């Protein structure tokens, strides 16, 4: 066990703690890597580059167990929130390495800090800190000071602390872009703090918002070419390239996410998508995530169904007196209407007054 184990300072990252320990107690970068993680090249990957089990062993878990540190002090917390239950279990139990969460997902590799936070931390603690909210996938704005983050890029392996050397400021051309960056950064932090999120529920909620905004019945009838054009004209899209995340915002990625084709578990893309919906005035970050809490309560399930079903569908059922009539109003097949009645209790309750045994495919 280490002779001296400093406490966490505010919301700093695991890398930040290691950098502070290195400056105070270690003669070389490689020695620190071997001591803390059992590998000399540990600082090569700032997100996390070694054995958490070893780190927790030599710290006596005074800083938390491996799962707590992974969730709360590394960016992998954002990926674990969106990971499948099995994938998250394998990573937290040490069966798979945390890097497996990234897969082919693109993640900004530069360390980021806020200049104002650096001044305050230096005055209070005598050293700068790498704050967790600043490193999250999609974050580009300090939510405390509402100012662009600075990005530090190092070409060598070292335990670095925030300073003005080898840095560049993420650029925003106007107040609208700055607000867009704030919305994305706020969403990124809410994803990280959620601990667990149901991706299917997120897709359904985002789809409902877009269906209402574009007057579409369901995902199949959404014009994703039109949606992508609208996205490309948003303030968030305009500043994505200048903030180092241009590869995340190109191509018909919104359709891919909502259809579950790819990137549906990428926290950066979810931060951008919810930020975009917020920029357009269709929802707020708080409202979007308020409806995503998992529950098995039957009444709450009905309330969630009400929120997920487009108003046009509910209105059509209220105005109709048969499955065929609903199908004609919505321009869908009778079997689709029957399927909705079977799957959604709120729709079945609306149709109960006219629903008969003669209606096809309904049990």
Foldseek 3Di string as FASTA:
>chain_A
DDPDQDEDDDQFAPLQSLLVCCVVPNDDQQVSCCQQFNGSLQQVQSLTRHDQQSNCVVVVCPHHHSLCNNLRHGLLVLLLQLDDPVVNVCPSVVVDPSVVSCPVPDADRWQKDDPVQQVVCCVVPVFAGRGPLCRHQLAQADLVVLAGIKTADDPDRDSDGDDDPRIDTQDADDPQLSLLNNQLSVLRVCSSPVSHFDLLLLLLLLQLLQCQVVVHQGLVRDDLVVVLVVLCPHSPVVRCVSRPNVVLNDDSVNNCLSVVNDPVSPSNNSSNSQSSCVSVVSDGSCRSCVLTDDDPDPVNVLVSLVSSGHPQLVVLLLPDQALVSSCVSNVHDSLVSQVCLQPHVVSVVSNVVRDDPPRPPHD
